[in-house]
Amino acid sequence: MNDAMLLPAFTEPIAQSQQAFRLALTAMSEPGTIQVLEGGPALGDISPATYALCLSLFDADTPVWLSDALDTPALRANLAFHCGCAVASDRRLAAFALLTEDDQVDLHEFNSGTDRDPDRSCTLIVQLSDLQHGAAVAWQGPGIQQERVLNLPVAPDFWTQRKTFCAFPKGLDIFFTSGSRLVALPRSTRVRYTMTEVN
């Protein structure tokens, strides 16, 4: 490992890691609500919200798959040093995956868990340019009183793949991040276009 690549993570590791973890739990329990992480560090092209999730969720027992757009020696070095996690070359073995909105990824290649062990599925962290300049989709399900409409800049194929891939309790939990903000999409949430049903 090249020590010159190592950069500071949280300035107050315990307090900030706990804050990021609580925000992640809040985001998952209230799908579609935007949570803001204050004071988180960035790492190159990795946004503060994305990096905060990495620092608070990854550990030695969570192999991580990195998309080509985000996979850099600096990211690998800092994840290994601060989190102790391994980088998985096979996305089917990953507990977490880091993606961007431009990645054309087959979601079916990630582990969706089993009916007996749905918790063994992969969690996606998808870094977006923003959280408000995409086609409108409506989210419905647990944690949502009626529905929440979001405008994430995600390709329609992403939602189509998710529909064919999610068979609750199996499925993928997803965090979308942009800058210091994040929003979560649990596998239990139904997603539809405002006019055409998607899931």
N, C-alpha and C. Protein backbone atom coordinates (compact mmCIF):
# COMPACT_ATOMS: atom_id res chain seq x y z
N MET A 1 0.84 -1.19 0.00
CA MET A 1 0.00 0.00 0.00
C MET A 1 0.87 1.25 0.00
N ASN A 2 0.55 2.21 -0.83
CA ASN A 2 1.28 3.46 -0.90
C ASN A 2 0.72 4.42 0.15
N ASP A 3 1.54 4.71 1.19
CA ASP A 3 1.06 5.56 2.28
C ASP A 3 0.71 6.95 1.80
N ALA A 4 1.31 7.39 0.68
CA ALA A 4 1.01 8.73 0.17
C ALA A 4 -0.43 8.83 -0.30
N MET A 5 -1.07 7.71 -0.59
CA MET A 5 -2.47 7.71 -1.04
C MET A 5 -3.45 7.84 0.11
N LEU A 6 -2.99 7.58 1.34
CA LEU A 6 -3.89 7.57 2.48
C LEU A 6 -4.25 9.00 2.88
N LEU A 7 -5.54 9.23 3.02
CA LEU A 7 -6.04 10.54 3.39
C LEU A 7 -6.88 10.42 4.65
N PRO A 8 -7.00 11.52 5.42
CA PRO A 8 -7.82 11.46 6.63
C PRO A 8 -9.26 11.10 6.30
N ALA A 9 -9.88 10.37 7.21
CA ALA A 9 -11.29 10.03 7.04
C ALA A 9 -12.10 10.97 7.93
N PHE A 10 -12.93 10.47 8.80
CA PHE A 10 -13.67 11.32 9.72
C PHE A 10 -12.71 12.00 10.69
N THR A 11 -12.95 13.28 10.97
CA THR A 11 -12.12 13.98 11.95
C THR A 11 -12.47 13.51 13.36
N GLU A 12 -13.72 13.13 13.60
CA GLU A 12 -14.16 12.55 14.87
C GLU A 12 -14.77 11.18 14.55
N PRO A 13 -13.93 10.16 14.40
CA PRO A 13 -14.36 8.88 13.85
C PRO A 13 -15.59 8.27 14.52
N ILE A 14 -15.62 8.22 15.85
CA ILE A 14 -16.74 7.56 16.53
C ILE A 14 -18.03 8.33 16.33
N ALA A 15 -18.01 9.62 16.63
CA ALA A 15 -19.23 10.43 16.55
C ALA A 15 -19.74 10.52 15.11
N GLN A 16 -18.85 10.76 14.15
CA GLN A 16 -19.29 10.93 12.77
C GLN A 16 -19.72 9.61 12.14
N SER A 17 -19.06 8.53 12.52
CA SER A 17 -19.47 7.23 12.01
C SER A 17 -20.85 6.87 12.54
N GLN A 18 -21.09 7.15 13.81
CA GLN A 18 -22.41 6.88 14.38
C GLN A 18 -23.48 7.76 13.72
N GLN A 19 -23.14 9.03 13.46
CA GLN A 19 -24.09 9.92 12.80
C GLN A 19 -24.44 9.40 11.41
N ALA A 20 -23.43 9.00 10.64
CA ALA A 20 -23.66 8.50 9.29
C ALA A 20 -24.49 7.21 9.33
N PHE A 21 -24.21 6.34 10.29
CA PHE A 21 -24.97 5.10 10.42
C PHE A 21 -26.43 5.39 10.75
N ARG A 22 -26.68 6.34 11.66
CA ARG A 22 -28.05 6.70 12.01
C ARG A 22 -28.79 7.29 10.81
N LEU A 23 -28.10 8.12 10.03
CA LEU A 23 -28.73 8.69 8.83
C LEU A 23 -29.07 7.60 7.83
N ALA A 24 -28.19 6.62 7.69
CA ALA A 24 -28.45 5.50 6.77
C ALA A 24 -29.68 4.73 7.23
N LEU A 25 -29.80 4.48 8.54
CA LEU A 25 -30.96 3.77 9.07
C LEU A 25 -32.24 4.59 8.88
N THR A 26 -32.14 5.91 9.12
CA THR A 26 -33.30 6.77 8.92
C THR A 26 -33.73 6.77 7.47
N ALA A 27 -32.76 6.85 6.57
CA ALA A 27 -33.07 6.85 5.14
C ALA A 27 -33.77 5.57 4.73
N MET A 28 -33.32 4.43 5.27
CA MET A 28 -33.94 3.15 4.93
C MET A 28 -35.33 3.01 5.52
N SER A 29 -35.55 3.56 6.71
CA SER A 29 -36.86 3.44 7.36
C SER A 29 -37.87 4.45 6.83
N GLU A 30 -37.38 5.50 6.17
CA GLU A 30 -38.24 6.51 5.56
C GLU A 30 -37.85 6.68 4.09
N PRO A 31 -38.15 5.68 3.26
CA PRO A 31 -37.70 5.70 1.86
C PRO A 31 -38.14 6.98 1.14
N GLY A 32 -37.22 7.53 0.37
CA GLY A 32 -37.55 8.71 -0.42
C GLY A 32 -37.30 10.02 0.27
N THR A 33 -36.95 10.01 1.56
CA THR A 33 -36.62 11.25 2.26
C THR A 33 -35.13 11.52 2.11
N ILE A 34 -34.78 12.74 1.82
CA ILE A 34 -33.38 13.10 1.62
C ILE A 34 -32.74 13.44 2.96
N GLN A 35 -31.66 12.75 3.25
CA GLN A 35 -30.89 12.98 4.46
C GLN A 35 -29.61 13.72 4.10
N VAL A 36 -29.17 14.60 4.99
CA VAL A 36 -27.98 15.42 4.73
C VAL A 36 -26.92 15.11 5.78
N LEU A 37 -25.74 14.75 5.32
CA LEU A 37 -24.62 14.47 6.20
C LEU A 37 -23.71 15.71 6.27
N GLU A 38 -23.57 16.27 7.44
CA GLU A 38 -22.76 17.47 7.61
C GLU A 38 -21.31 17.12 7.92
N GLY A 39 -20.40 17.80 7.26
CA GLY A 39 -18.99 17.70 7.61
C GLY A 39 -18.27 16.44 7.20
N GLY A 40 -18.84 15.68 6.27
CA GLY A 40 -18.19 14.45 5.84
C GLY A 40 -17.07 14.73 4.85
N PRO A 41 -16.02 13.91 4.84
CA PRO A 41 -14.92 14.10 3.89
C PRO A 41 -15.26 13.52 2.52
N ALA A 42 -14.61 14.04 1.51
CA ALA A 42 -14.69 13.47 0.17
C ALA A 42 -13.37 12.74 -0.11
N LEU A 43 -13.35 11.96 -1.17
CA LEU A 43 -12.12 11.26 -1.56
C LEU A 43 -12.07 11.23 -3.08
N GLY A 44 -11.37 12.18 -3.67
CA GLY A 44 -11.32 12.26 -5.12
C GLY A 44 -12.71 12.48 -5.68
N ASP A 45 -13.16 11.57 -6.56
CA ASP A 45 -14.49 11.67 -7.15
C ASP A 45 -15.58 11.07 -6.26
N ILE A 46 -15.19 10.53 -5.12
CA ILE A 46 -16.16 9.96 -4.19
C ILE A 46 -16.75 11.08 -3.34
N SER A 47 -18.05 11.26 -3.41
CA SER A 47 -18.70 12.36 -2.71
C SER A 47 -18.71 12.12 -1.20
N PRO A 48 -18.92 13.19 -0.41
CA PRO A 48 -18.95 13.02 1.05
C PRO A 48 -19.99 12.01 1.53
N ALA A 49 -21.19 12.02 0.94
CA ALA A 49 -22.22 11.07 1.38
C ALA A 49 -21.82 9.64 1.05
N THR A 50 -21.30 9.43 -0.15
CA THR A 50 -20.84 8.09 -0.55
C THR A 50 -19.73 7.60 0.38
N TYR A 51 -18.75 8.46 0.61
CA TYR A 51 -17.61 8.06 1.43
C TYR A 51 -18.03 7.81 2.87
N ALA A 52 -18.96 8.63 3.38
CA ALA A 52 -19.44 8.44 4.75
C ALA A 52 -20.12 7.08 4.90
N LEU A 53 -20.91 6.67 3.90
CA LEU A 53 -21.53 5.35 3.94
C LEU A 53 -20.46 4.26 3.95
N CYS A 54 -19.43 4.45 3.13
CA CYS A 54 -18.33 3.47 3.11
C CYS A 54 -17.69 3.36 4.49
N LEU A 55 -17.37 4.49 5.09
CA LEU A 55 -16.66 4.51 6.37
C LEU A 55 -17.50 3.96 7.52
N SER A 56 -18.82 4.08 7.41
CA SER A 56 -19.68 3.64 8.52
C SER A 56 -20.28 2.25 8.32
N LEU A 57 -20.30 1.75 7.08
CA LEU A 57 -20.93 0.46 6.81
C LEU A 57 -19.95 -0.65 6.46
N PHE A 58 -18.80 -0.32 5.90
CA PHE A 58 -17.87 -1.35 5.44
C PHE A 58 -16.97 -1.82 6.58
N ASP A 59 -16.64 -3.10 6.56
CA ASP A 59 -15.66 -3.64 7.49
C ASP A 59 -15.00 -4.87 6.86
N ALA A 60 -14.25 -5.59 7.65
CA ALA A 60 -13.48 -6.72 7.13
C ALA A 60 -14.36 -7.85 6.62
N ASP A 61 -15.64 -7.86 7.02
CA ASP A 61 -16.55 -8.93 6.61
C ASP A 61 -17.44 -8.53 5.44
N THR A 62 -17.15 -7.39 4.81
CA THR A 62 -18.01 -6.91 3.73
C THR A 62 -17.20 -6.65 2.46
N PRO A 63 -17.03 -7.66 1.62
CA PRO A 63 -16.34 -7.44 0.34
C PRO A 63 -17.12 -6.44 -0.51
N VAL A 64 -16.38 -5.59 -1.20
CA VAL A 64 -16.97 -4.47 -1.95
C VAL A 64 -16.61 -4.59 -3.42
N TRP A 65 -17.60 -4.39 -4.28
CA TRP A 65 -17.35 -4.34 -5.72
C TRP A 65 -17.37 -2.89 -6.16
N LEU A 66 -16.38 -2.49 -6.98
CA LEU A 66 -16.25 -1.11 -7.44
C LEU A 66 -16.45 -1.04 -8.94
N SER A 67 -17.27 -0.11 -9.39
CA SER A 67 -17.41 0.09 -10.83
C SER A 67 -16.13 0.70 -11.37
N ASP A 68 -15.88 0.52 -12.65
CA ASP A 68 -14.66 1.05 -13.26
C ASP A 68 -14.56 2.56 -13.09
N ALA A 69 -15.70 3.25 -13.08
CA ALA A 69 -15.69 4.71 -12.98
C ALA A 69 -15.17 5.21 -11.64
N LEU A 70 -15.29 4.38 -10.60
CA LEU A 70 -14.89 4.80 -9.26
C LEU A 70 -13.67 4.06 -8.74
N ASP A 71 -13.26 3.02 -9.43
CA ASP A 71 -12.18 2.16 -8.95
C ASP A 71 -10.83 2.83 -9.21
N THR A 72 -10.20 3.31 -8.15
CA THR A 72 -8.89 3.94 -8.24
C THR A 72 -7.98 3.35 -7.17
N PRO A 73 -6.66 3.42 -7.39
CA PRO A 73 -5.74 2.95 -6.34
C PRO A 73 -5.94 3.69 -5.02
N ALA A 74 -6.26 4.98 -5.09
CA ALA A 74 -6.46 5.76 -3.86
C ALA A 74 -7.68 5.25 -3.09
N LEU A 75 -8.78 4.97 -3.79
CA LEU A 75 -9.97 4.46 -3.12
C LEU A 75 -9.69 3.10 -2.51
N ARG A 76 -9.05 2.22 -3.25
CA ARG A 76 -8.73 0.89 -2.71
C ARG A 76 -7.85 1.00 -1.46
N ALA A 77 -6.85 1.88 -1.52
CA ALA A 77 -5.93 2.02 -0.39
C ALA A 77 -6.66 2.55 0.84
N ASN A 78 -7.53 3.53 0.67
CA ASN A 78 -8.22 4.11 1.81
C ASN A 78 -9.29 3.20 2.37
N LEU A 79 -9.98 2.45 1.51
CA LEU A 79 -10.95 1.48 2.01
C LEU A 79 -10.25 0.38 2.80
N ALA A 80 -9.12 -0.08 2.30
CA ALA A 80 -8.38 -1.12 3.01
C ALA A 80 -7.88 -0.62 4.36
N PHE A 81 -7.40 0.62 4.39
CA PHE A 81 -6.81 1.17 5.63
C PHE A 81 -7.89 1.54 6.65
N HIS A 82 -8.90 2.27 6.22
CA HIS A 82 -9.91 2.78 7.16
C HIS A 82 -11.01 1.77 7.48
N CYS A 83 -11.31 0.88 6.53
CA CYS A 83 -12.44 -0.05 6.72
C CYS A 83 -12.01 -1.50 6.85
N GLY A 84 -10.85 -1.83 6.32
CA GLY A 84 -10.38 -3.20 6.36
C GLY A 84 -11.08 -4.13 5.41
N CYS A 85 -11.84 -3.57 4.46
CA CYS A 85 -12.63 -4.41 3.55
C CYS A 85 -11.81 -4.81 2.32
N ALA A 86 -12.18 -5.94 1.77
CA ALA A 86 -11.55 -6.42 0.54
C ALA A 86 -12.37 -5.97 -0.66
N VAL A 87 -11.71 -5.80 -1.79
CA VAL A 87 -12.40 -5.47 -3.04
C VAL A 87 -12.65 -6.76 -3.80
N ALA A 88 -13.92 -7.01 -4.12
CA ALA A 88 -14.31 -8.23 -4.81
C ALA A 88 -14.25 -8.03 -6.32
N SER A 89 -13.62 -8.93 -7.02
CA SER A 89 -13.59 -8.87 -8.47
C SER A 89 -14.88 -9.42 -9.08
N ASP A 90 -15.54 -10.30 -8.35
CA ASP A 90 -16.80 -10.90 -8.79
C ASP A 90 -17.94 -10.23 -8.04
N ARG A 91 -18.80 -9.52 -8.75
CA ARG A 91 -19.87 -8.78 -8.08
C ARG A 91 -20.86 -9.70 -7.36
N ARG A 92 -20.91 -10.97 -7.75
CA ARG A 92 -21.81 -11.91 -7.08
C ARG A 92 -21.38 -12.19 -5.65
N LEU A 93 -20.13 -11.88 -5.31
CA LEU A 93 -19.62 -12.13 -3.97
C LEU A 93 -19.63 -10.87 -3.11
N ALA A 94 -20.07 -9.75 -3.66
CA ALA A 94 -19.99 -8.47 -2.96
C ALA A 94 -21.13 -8.27 -1.97
N ALA A 95 -20.80 -7.74 -0.80
CA ALA A 95 -21.82 -7.33 0.16
C ALA A 95 -22.29 -5.91 -0.12
N PHE A 96 -21.40 -5.10 -0.72
CA PHE A 96 -21.72 -3.74 -1.14
C PHE A 96 -21.15 -3.52 -2.53
N ALA A 97 -21.74 -2.58 -3.25
CA ALA A 97 -21.23 -2.21 -4.57
C ALA A 97 -21.34 -0.71 -4.74
N LEU A 98 -20.29 -0.10 -5.29
CA LEU A 98 -20.27 1.34 -5.57
C LEU A 98 -20.44 1.55 -7.07
N LEU A 99 -21.45 2.35 -7.45
CA LEU A 99 -21.77 2.59 -8.85
C LEU A 99 -21.98 4.07 -9.09
N THR A 100 -22.07 4.44 -10.37
CA THR A 100 -22.48 5.79 -10.74
C THR A 100 -23.69 5.69 -11.65
N GLU A 101 -24.31 6.83 -11.92
CA GLU A 101 -25.50 6.84 -12.78
C GLU A 101 -25.19 6.44 -14.22
N ASP A 102 -23.91 6.54 -14.60
CA ASP A 102 -23.53 6.23 -15.98
C ASP A 102 -23.17 4.76 -16.19
N ASP A 103 -23.12 4.00 -15.12
CA ASP A 103 -22.75 2.58 -15.24
C ASP A 103 -23.90 1.78 -15.83
N GLN A 104 -23.63 1.07 -16.89
CA GLN A 104 -24.61 0.16 -17.49
C GLN A 104 -24.37 -1.22 -16.90
N VAL A 105 -24.97 -1.46 -15.76
CA VAL A 105 -24.69 -2.68 -14.99
C VAL A 105 -25.91 -3.59 -14.97
N ASP A 106 -25.66 -4.88 -15.12
CA ASP A 106 -26.72 -5.87 -15.03
C ASP A 106 -26.95 -6.18 -13.55
N LEU A 107 -28.06 -5.70 -13.00
CA LEU A 107 -28.34 -5.89 -11.58
C LEU A 107 -28.48 -7.36 -11.22
N HIS A 108 -28.83 -8.18 -12.19
CA HIS A 108 -29.02 -9.61 -11.92
C HIS A 108 -27.72 -10.30 -11.52
N GLU A 109 -26.59 -9.65 -11.75
CA GLU A 109 -25.31 -10.27 -11.40
C GLU A 109 -24.94 -10.03 -9.94
N PHE A 110 -25.73 -9.23 -9.22
CA PHE A 110 -25.48 -9.03 -7.79
C PHE A 110 -26.29 -10.05 -6.99
N ASN A 111 -25.83 -10.34 -5.79
CA ASN A 111 -26.49 -11.30 -4.92
C ASN A 111 -27.75 -10.68 -4.33
N SER A 112 -28.91 -11.29 -4.56
CA SER A 112 -30.17 -10.78 -4.03
C SER A 112 -30.61 -11.52 -2.78
N GLY A 113 -29.74 -12.38 -2.23
CA GLY A 113 -30.08 -13.15 -1.05
C GLY A 113 -30.96 -14.34 -1.39
N THR A 114 -31.50 -14.96 -0.37
CA THR A 114 -32.41 -16.10 -0.56
C THR A 114 -33.65 -15.85 0.30
N ASP A 115 -34.68 -16.65 0.08
CA ASP A 115 -35.87 -16.52 0.92
C ASP A 115 -35.54 -16.78 2.39
N ARG A 116 -34.59 -17.65 2.63
CA ARG A 116 -34.21 -17.97 4.00
C ARG A 116 -33.26 -16.92 4.57
N ASP A 117 -32.35 -16.41 3.74
CA ASP A 117 -31.35 -15.44 4.21
C ASP A 117 -31.34 -14.21 3.30
N PRO A 118 -32.40 -13.41 3.32
CA PRO A 118 -32.44 -12.23 2.45
C PRO A 118 -31.41 -11.18 2.85
N ASP A 119 -30.95 -11.23 4.11
CA ASP A 119 -30.00 -10.24 4.60
C ASP A 119 -28.61 -10.42 3.98
N ARG A 120 -28.41 -11.51 3.27
CA ARG A 120 -27.11 -11.73 2.64
C ARG A 120 -27.01 -11.09 1.25
N SER A 121 -27.99 -10.32 0.90
CA SER A 121 -27.98 -9.67 -0.41
C SER A 121 -26.99 -8.52 -0.44
N CYS A 122 -26.70 -8.05 -1.62
CA CYS A 122 -25.79 -6.93 -1.82
C CYS A 122 -26.56 -5.61 -1.66
N THR A 123 -25.90 -4.63 -1.07
CA THR A 123 -26.44 -3.27 -0.98
C THR A 123 -25.69 -2.39 -1.97
N LEU A 124 -26.44 -1.69 -2.82
CA LEU A 124 -25.84 -0.81 -3.81
C LEU A 124 -25.75 0.61 -3.27
N ILE A 125 -24.64 1.27 -3.55
CA ILE A 125 -24.49 2.70 -3.30
C ILE A 125 -24.25 3.34 -4.65
N VAL A 126 -25.25 4.07 -5.14
CA VAL A 126 -25.21 4.64 -6.49
C VAL A 126 -24.99 6.15 -6.38
N GLN A 127 -23.85 6.60 -6.82
CA GLN A 127 -23.53 8.03 -6.75
C GLN A 127 -24.07 8.74 -7.98
N LEU A 128 -24.90 9.76 -7.76
CA LEU A 128 -25.55 10.51 -8.83
C LEU A 128 -25.01 11.94 -8.90
N SER A 129 -25.25 12.58 -10.03
CA SER A 129 -24.85 13.98 -10.18
C SER A 129 -25.72 14.89 -9.33
N ASP A 130 -26.98 14.53 -9.14
CA ASP A 130 -27.90 15.25 -8.28
C ASP A 130 -29.06 14.32 -7.94
N LEU A 131 -30.01 14.81 -7.17
CA LEU A 131 -31.15 13.99 -6.77
C LEU A 131 -32.47 14.54 -7.28
N GLN A 132 -32.41 15.37 -8.34
CA GLN A 132 -33.65 16.05 -8.72
C GLN A 132 -33.83 16.31 -10.20
N HIS A 133 -33.00 15.80 -11.06
CA HIS A 133 -33.14 16.11 -12.48
C HIS A 133 -33.33 14.86 -13.34
N GLY A 134 -34.21 13.99 -12.90
CA GLY A 134 -34.54 12.80 -13.68
C GLY A 134 -36.03 12.69 -13.89
N ALA A 135 -36.43 11.63 -14.57
CA ALA A 135 -37.86 11.39 -14.79
C ALA A 135 -38.52 11.07 -13.45
N ALA A 136 -39.75 11.56 -13.28
CA ALA A 136 -40.47 11.36 -12.02
C ALA A 136 -40.86 9.90 -11.85
N VAL A 137 -40.59 9.37 -10.67
CA VAL A 137 -41.04 8.04 -10.29
C VAL A 137 -41.69 8.13 -8.91
N ALA A 138 -42.69 7.32 -8.68
CA ALA A 138 -43.39 7.32 -7.40
C ALA A 138 -42.99 6.10 -6.59
N TRP A 139 -42.70 6.31 -5.31
CA TRP A 139 -42.33 5.23 -4.41
C TRP A 139 -43.48 4.99 -3.45
N GLN A 140 -43.79 3.73 -3.20
CA GLN A 140 -44.85 3.35 -2.28
C GLN A 140 -44.41 2.15 -1.46
N GLY A 141 -44.90 2.06 -0.24
CA GLY A 141 -44.59 0.90 0.58
C GLY A 141 -44.34 1.26 2.02
N PRO A 142 -43.76 0.34 2.81
CA PRO A 142 -43.50 0.58 4.22
C PRO A 142 -42.67 1.84 4.44
N GLY A 143 -43.07 2.65 5.43
CA GLY A 143 -42.35 3.88 5.73
C GLY A 143 -42.81 5.07 4.92
N ILE A 144 -43.78 4.86 4.01
CA ILE A 144 -44.30 5.93 3.17
C ILE A 144 -45.81 5.98 3.37
N GLN A 145 -46.33 7.12 3.80
CA GLN A 145 -47.75 7.21 4.12
C GLN A 145 -48.62 6.95 2.90
N GLN A 146 -48.37 7.63 1.80
CA GLN A 146 -49.10 7.37 0.55
C GLN A 146 -48.10 7.07 -0.56
N GLU A 147 -47.42 8.10 -1.02
CA GLU A 147 -46.35 7.90 -1.98
C GLU A 147 -45.41 9.09 -1.94
N ARG A 148 -44.19 8.87 -2.38
CA ARG A 148 -43.23 9.95 -2.52
C ARG A 148 -42.75 9.95 -3.96
N VAL A 149 -42.74 11.11 -4.57
CA VAL A 149 -42.29 11.24 -5.96
C VAL A 149 -40.87 11.78 -5.97
N LEU A 150 -39.99 11.08 -6.65
CA LEU A 150 -38.60 11.50 -6.76
C LEU A 150 -38.23 11.67 -8.23
N ASN A 151 -37.19 12.45 -8.45
CA ASN A 151 -36.73 12.74 -9.81
C ASN A 151 -35.23 12.43 -9.92
N LEU A 152 -34.89 11.19 -9.66
CA LEU A 152 -33.49 10.79 -9.71
C LEU A 152 -33.03 10.60 -11.15
N PRO A 153 -31.83 11.07 -11.49
CA PRO A 153 -31.32 10.90 -12.85
C PRO A 153 -30.82 9.48 -13.10
N VAL A 154 -31.77 8.54 -13.11
CA VAL A 154 -31.46 7.13 -13.30
C VAL A 154 -32.13 6.66 -14.59
N ALA A 155 -31.42 5.87 -15.38
CA ALA A 155 -31.97 5.39 -16.65
C ALA A 155 -33.19 4.51 -16.41
N PRO A 156 -34.20 4.58 -17.29
CA PRO A 156 -35.40 3.72 -17.14
C PRO A 156 -35.06 2.24 -17.02
N ASP A 157 -33.98 1.80 -17.67
CA ASP A 157 -33.60 0.40 -17.61
C ASP A 157 -33.27 -0.04 -16.19
N PHE A 158 -32.79 0.89 -15.38
CA PHE A 158 -32.47 0.57 -13.99
C PHE A 158 -33.72 0.13 -13.25
N TRP A 159 -34.82 0.89 -13.43
CA TRP A 159 -36.06 0.56 -12.76
C TRP A 159 -36.66 -0.75 -13.32
N THR A 160 -36.52 -0.94 -14.63
CA THR A 160 -37.04 -2.16 -15.24
C THR A 160 -36.32 -3.39 -14.71
N GLN A 161 -34.98 -3.28 -14.61
CA GLN A 161 -34.21 -4.40 -14.06
C GLN A 161 -34.62 -4.68 -12.62
N ARG A 162 -34.78 -3.62 -11.85
CA ARG A 162 -35.15 -3.81 -10.45
C ARG A 162 -36.49 -4.53 -10.33
N LYS A 163 -37.42 -4.20 -11.20
CA LYS A 163 -38.73 -4.84 -11.14
C LYS A 163 -38.62 -6.35 -11.37
N THR A 164 -37.81 -6.73 -12.34
CA THR A 164 -37.70 -8.16 -12.66
C THR A 164 -36.82 -8.89 -11.66
N PHE A 165 -36.03 -8.15 -10.88
CA PHE A 165 -35.06 -8.77 -9.99
C PHE A 165 -35.55 -8.86 -8.56
N CYS A 166 -36.43 -7.95 -8.15
CA CYS A 166 -36.90 -7.92 -6.77
C CYS A 166 -38.06 -8.88 -6.57
N ALA A 167 -37.89 -9.84 -5.68
CA ALA A 167 -38.95 -10.76 -5.31
C ALA A 167 -38.90 -10.86 -3.79
N PHE A 168 -39.48 -9.85 -3.14
CA PHE A 168 -39.39 -9.71 -1.69
C PHE A 168 -39.71 -11.04 -1.00
N PRO A 169 -38.93 -11.48 0.00
CA PRO A 169 -37.94 -10.69 0.73
C PRO A 169 -36.57 -10.58 0.08
N LYS A 170 -36.37 -11.26 -1.04
CA LYS A 170 -35.10 -11.10 -1.74
C LYS A 170 -35.07 -9.76 -2.46
N GLY A 171 -33.87 -9.30 -2.82
CA GLY A 171 -33.76 -8.05 -3.56
C GLY A 171 -32.55 -7.26 -3.12
N LEU A 172 -32.40 -6.08 -3.70
CA LEU A 172 -31.26 -5.22 -3.41
C LEU A 172 -31.73 -3.97 -2.67
N ASP A 173 -31.08 -3.65 -1.56
CA ASP A 173 -31.26 -2.36 -0.93
C ASP A 173 -30.32 -1.38 -1.61
N ILE A 174 -30.78 -0.14 -1.79
CA ILE A 174 -30.01 0.83 -2.58
C ILE A 174 -29.95 2.17 -1.86
N PHE A 175 -28.77 2.76 -1.81
CA PHE A 175 -28.59 4.15 -1.42
C PHE A 175 -28.23 4.95 -2.66
N PHE A 176 -28.91 6.07 -2.87
CA PHE A 176 -28.52 7.03 -3.90
C PHE A 176 -27.89 8.22 -3.20
N THR A 177 -26.74 8.67 -3.69
CA THR A 177 -26.05 9.78 -3.04
C THR A 177 -25.73 10.87 -4.06
N SER A 178 -25.59 12.09 -3.55
CA SER A 178 -25.13 13.22 -4.36
C SER A 178 -24.59 14.26 -3.41
N GLY A 179 -23.32 14.61 -3.55
CA GLY A 179 -22.72 15.56 -2.63
C GLY A 179 -22.81 15.05 -1.21
N SER A 180 -23.42 15.84 -0.34
CA SER A 180 -23.57 15.44 1.06
C SER A 180 -24.94 14.85 1.35
N ARG A 181 -25.73 14.59 0.31
CA ARG A 181 -27.10 14.12 0.51
C ARG A 181 -27.24 12.65 0.09
N LEU A 182 -28.20 11.97 0.72
CA LEU A 182 -28.46 10.59 0.37
C LEU A 182 -29.94 10.28 0.55
N VAL A 183 -30.40 9.30 -0.22
CA VAL A 183 -31.78 8.81 -0.13
C VAL A 183 -31.71 7.29 -0.31
N ALA A 184 -32.58 6.57 0.38
CA ALA A 184 -32.51 5.11 0.35
C ALA A 184 -33.75 4.51 -0.28
N LEU A 185 -33.53 3.39 -0.96
CA LEU A 185 -34.60 2.61 -1.59
C LEU A 185 -34.49 1.17 -1.11
N PRO A 186 -35.25 0.79 -0.08
CA PRO A 186 -35.23 -0.60 0.37
C PRO A 186 -35.88 -1.53 -0.65
N ARG A 187 -35.59 -2.80 -0.54
CA ARG A 187 -36.16 -3.79 -1.46
C ARG A 187 -37.67 -3.88 -1.33
N SER A 188 -38.22 -3.46 -0.17
CA SER A 188 -39.66 -3.55 0.08
C SER A 188 -40.45 -2.42 -0.57
N THR A 189 -39.77 -1.42 -1.12
CA THR A 189 -40.45 -0.27 -1.72
C THR A 189 -40.82 -0.56 -3.17
N ARG A 190 -42.06 -0.25 -3.53
CA ARG A 190 -42.51 -0.37 -4.91
C ARG A 190 -42.21 0.93 -5.64
N VAL A 191 -41.72 0.82 -6.86
CA VAL A 191 -41.38 1.99 -7.67
C VAL A 191 -42.19 1.94 -8.96
N ARG A 192 -42.83 3.05 -9.28
CA ARG A 192 -43.55 3.12 -10.54
C ARG A 192 -43.36 4.50 -11.14
N TYR A 193 -43.42 4.57 -12.46
CA TYR A 193 -43.49 5.87 -13.11
C TYR A 193 -44.82 6.51 -12.73
N THR A 194 -44.91 7.80 -12.81
CA THR A 194 -46.13 8.48 -12.41
C THR A 194 -47.30 8.08 -13.31
N MET A 195 -47.00 7.57 -14.51
CA MET A 195 -48.08 7.16 -15.43
C MET A 195 -48.06 5.66 -15.70
N THR A 196 -46.88 5.04 -15.64
CA THR A 196 -46.76 3.62 -16.02
C THR A 196 -46.14 2.84 -14.88
N GLU A 197 -46.75 1.77 -14.50
CA GLU A 197 -46.26 0.95 -13.39
C GLU A 197 -44.91 0.34 -13.75
N VAL A 198 -43.97 0.41 -12.79
CA VAL A 198 -42.66 -0.21 -12.96
C VAL A 198 -42.49 -1.36 -11.98
N ASN A 199 -42.90 -1.19 -10.74
CA ASN A 199 -42.77 -2.28 -9.77
C ASN A 199 -43.83 -2.10 -8.68
